[in-house]
Amino acid sequence: MIHEVNIKVEIAGSVYPLKVNAEDEQDVREAVKLINTKIAEFERNYAVRDKKDLMGMVMLQLVSQLYKQARGAEQDLSDLRRLFTNVEEMLKDHLRNINTLGE
């Protein structure tokens, strides 16, 4: 059974009440920490003070990183599928060879 909890998180000085699965609470809090860290980095490195603009910049950076990782994972999965197909073919060839020797 999924147990939900109510939490409050602060992002860029604003508090947001959330209802999350209890098992996801730590991940949400880590995500909030990452977002706030990135906002502080952008604030230090760029002449942007508007929190909305900072959040937009952080969102763009984090989502583009997510897409990059997802593409990498898709490529890895494709490579694994190809590898398993090759291994399966090798095993079939080996089995055919064994069966041919037994005849």
C-alpha atoms as a PDB file:
ATOM      1  CA  MET A   1       0.000   0.000   0.000  1.00  0.00           C
ATOM      2  CA  ILE A   2       1.295   3.465  -0.895  1.00  0.00           C
ATOM      3  CA  HIS A   3       1.623   5.804   2.066  1.00  0.00           C
ATOM      4  CA  GLU A   4       1.501   9.499   1.220  1.00  0.00           C
ATOM      5  CA  VAL A   5       2.932  12.254   3.387  1.00  0.00           C
ATOM      6  CA  ASN A   6       2.454  15.997   3.354  1.00  0.00           C
ATOM      7  CA  ILE A   7       5.661  17.981   3.243  1.00  0.00           C
ATOM      8  CA  LYS A   8       6.667  21.586   2.697  1.00  0.00           C
ATOM      9  CA  VAL A   9       9.662  22.465   0.582  1.00  0.00           C
ATOM     10  CA  GLU A  10      11.278  25.816  -0.076  1.00  0.00           C
ATOM     11  CA  ILE A  11      12.492  26.678  -3.557  1.00  0.00           C
ATOM     12  CA  ALA A  12      13.955  30.102  -4.339  1.00  0.00           C
ATOM     13  CA  GLY A  13      12.468  31.567  -1.163  1.00  0.00           C
ATOM     14  CA  SER A  14       8.928  30.302  -1.757  1.00  0.00           C
ATOM     15  CA  VAL A  15       7.344  27.485   0.234  1.00  0.00           C
ATOM     16  CA  TYR A  16       5.439  24.768  -1.588  1.00  0.00           C
ATOM     17  CA  PRO A  17       3.224  22.232   0.176  1.00  0.00           C
ATOM     18  CA  LEU A  18       3.413  18.811  -1.479  1.00  0.00           C
ATOM     19  CA  LYS A  19       1.845  15.415  -1.042  1.00  0.00           C
ATOM     20  CA  VAL A  20       4.356  12.689  -1.962  1.00  0.00           C
ATOM     21  CA  ASN A  21       4.751   8.964  -1.505  1.00  0.00           C
ATOM     22  CA  ALA A  22       6.627   8.379   1.734  1.00  0.00           C
ATOM     23  CA  GLU A  23       9.229   6.349  -0.126  1.00  0.00           C
ATOM     24  CA  ASP A  24       9.848   9.304  -2.493  1.00  0.00           C
ATOM     25  CA  GLU A  25      10.205  11.976   0.189  1.00  0.00           C
ATOM     26  CA  GLN A  26      14.004  11.810   0.404  1.00  0.00           C
ATOM     27  CA  ASP A  27      14.320  11.983  -3.404  1.00  0.00           C
ATOM     28  CA  VAL A  28      12.059  15.055  -3.493  1.00  0.00           C
ATOM     29  CA  ARG A  29      14.101  16.725  -0.763  1.00  0.00           C
ATOM     30  CA  GLU A  30      17.333  15.950  -2.647  1.00  0.00           C
ATOM     31  CA  ALA A  31      15.819  17.418  -5.830  1.00  0.00           C
ATOM     32  CA  VAL A  32      14.847  20.587  -3.923  1.00  0.00           C
ATOM     33  CA  LYS A  33      18.385  20.836  -2.557  1.00  0.00           C
ATOM     34  CA  LEU A  34      19.821  20.481  -6.085  1.00  0.00           C
ATOM     35  CA  ILE A  35      17.447  23.114  -7.477  1.00  0.00           C
ATOM     36  CA  ASN A  36      18.302  25.598  -4.725  1.00  0.00           C
ATOM     37  CA  THR A  37      22.032  24.942  -5.186  1.00  0.00           C
ATOM     38  CA  LYS A  38      21.735  25.568  -8.937  1.00  0.00           C
ATOM     39  CA  ILE A  39      19.714  28.737  -8.357  1.00  0.00           C
ATOM     40  CA  ALA A  40      22.446  30.024  -6.009  1.00  0.00           C
ATOM     41  CA  GLU A  41      25.112  29.183  -8.627  1.00  0.00           C
ATOM     42  CA  PHE A  42      23.253  31.059 -11.362  1.00  0.00           C
ATOM     43  CA  GLU A  43      22.715  33.986  -8.998  1.00  0.00           C
ATOM     44  CA  ARG A  44      26.463  34.176  -8.283  1.00  0.00           C
ATOM     45  CA  ASN A  45      27.595  33.667 -11.890  1.00  0.00           C
ATOM     46  CA  TYR A  46      25.097  35.778 -13.820  1.00  0.00           C
ATOM     47  CA  ALA A  47      23.596  39.204 -13.370  1.00  0.00           C
ATOM     48  CA  VAL A  48      20.131  37.717 -12.893  1.00  0.00           C
ATOM     49  CA  ARG A  49      18.221  38.446  -9.718  1.00  0.00           C
ATOM     50  CA  ASP A  50      14.651  37.617 -10.734  1.00  0.00           C
ATOM     51  CA  LYS A  51      13.804  34.279  -9.080  1.00  0.00           C
ATOM     52  CA  LYS A  52      11.463  33.326 -11.913  1.00  0.00           C
ATOM     53  CA  ASP A  53      14.242  33.809 -14.470  1.00  0.00           C
ATOM     54  CA  LEU A  54      16.684  31.881 -12.286  1.00  0.00           C
ATOM     55  CA  MET A  55      14.235  29.000 -11.917  1.00  0.00           C
ATOM     56  CA  GLY A  56      13.721  28.942 -15.682  1.00  0.00           C
ATOM     57  CA  MET A  57      17.468  28.804 -16.291  1.00  0.00           C
ATOM     58  CA  VAL A  58      17.888  26.012 -13.734  1.00  0.00           C
ATOM     59  CA  MET A  59      14.973  24.079 -15.207  1.00  0.00           C
ATOM     60  CA  LEU A  60      16.471  24.315 -18.689  1.00  0.00           C
ATOM     61  CA  GLN A  61      19.871  23.119 -17.479  1.00  0.00           C
ATOM     62  CA  LEU A  62      18.512  20.211 -15.430  1.00  0.00           C
ATOM     63  CA  VAL A  63      16.054  19.023 -18.070  1.00  0.00           C
ATOM     64  CA  SER A  64      18.696  19.174 -20.810  1.00  0.00           C
ATOM     65  CA  GLN A  65      20.986  17.054 -18.582  1.00  0.00           C
ATOM     66  CA  LEU A  66      18.114  14.630 -18.023  1.00  0.00           C
ATOM     67  CA  TYR A  67      17.523  14.310 -21.772  1.00  0.00           C
ATOM     68  CA  LYS A  68      21.225  13.720 -22.358  1.00  0.00           C
ATOM     69  CA  GLN A  69      21.268  10.962 -19.746  1.00  0.00           C
ATOM     70  CA  ALA A  70      18.083   9.434 -21.154  1.00  0.00           C
ATOM     71  CA  ARG A  71      19.583   9.327 -24.656  1.00  0.00           C
ATOM     72  CA  GLY A  72      22.693   7.678 -23.223  1.00  0.00           C
ATOM     73  CA  ALA A  73      20.558   5.111 -21.398  1.00  0.00           C
ATOM     74  CA  GLU A  74      18.596   4.402 -24.603  1.00  0.00           C
ATOM     75  CA  GLN A  75      21.869   3.866 -26.471  1.00  0.00           C
ATOM     76  CA  ASP A  76      23.145   1.564 -23.723  1.00  0.00           C
ATOM     77  CA  LEU A  77      19.903  -0.418 -23.858  1.00  0.00           C
ATOM     78  CA  SER A  78      20.146  -0.687 -27.637  1.00  0.00           C
ATOM     79  CA  ASP A  79      23.747  -1.900 -27.337  1.00  0.00           C
ATOM     80  CA  LEU A  80      22.705  -4.501 -24.757  1.00  0.00           C
ATOM     81  CA  ARG A  81      19.869  -5.736 -26.965  1.00  0.00           C
ATOM     82  CA  ARG A  82      22.287  -6.105 -29.862  1.00  0.00           C
ATOM     83  CA  LEU A  83      24.754  -7.951 -27.623  1.00  0.00           C
ATOM     84  CA  PHE A  84      22.061 -10.343 -26.358  1.00  0.00           C
ATOM     85  CA  THR A  85      20.897 -10.985 -29.910  1.00  0.00           C
ATOM     86  CA  ASN A  86      24.475 -11.807 -30.918  1.00  0.00           C
ATOM     87  CA  VAL A  87      24.929 -14.121 -27.921  1.00  0.00           C
ATOM     88  CA  GLU A  88      21.606 -15.815 -28.692  1.00  0.00           C
ATOM     89  CA  GLU A  89      22.706 -16.412 -32.292  1.00  0.00           C
ATOM     90  CA  MET A  90      26.056 -17.771 -31.122  1.00  0.00           C
ATOM     91  CA  LEU A  91      24.295 -20.179 -28.750  1.00  0.00           C
ATOM     92  CA  LYS A  92      21.936 -21.330 -31.509  1.00  0.00           C
ATOM     93  CA  ASP A  93      24.932 -21.912 -33.815  1.00  0.00           C
ATOM     94  CA  HIS A  94      26.711 -23.804 -31.064  1.00  0.00           C
ATOM     95  CA  LEU A  95      23.629 -25.950 -30.429  1.00  0.00           C
ATOM     96  CA  ARG A  96      23.292 -26.679 -34.166  1.00  0.00           C
ATOM     97  CA  ASN A  97      26.966 -27.668 -34.280  1.00  0.00           C
ATOM     98  CA  ILE A  98      26.530 -30.004 -31.314  1.00  0.00           C
ATOM     99  CA  ASN A  99      23.442 -31.550 -32.896  1.00  0.00           C
ATOM    100  CA  THR A 100      25.299 -31.994 -36.218  1.00  0.00           C
ATOM    101  CA  LEU A 101      28.173 -33.783 -34.443  1.00  0.00           C
ATOM    102  CA  GLY A 102      25.698 -36.124 -32.753  1.00  0.00           C
ATOM    103  CA  GLU A 103      24.164 -37.245 -36.048  1.00  0.00           C
END
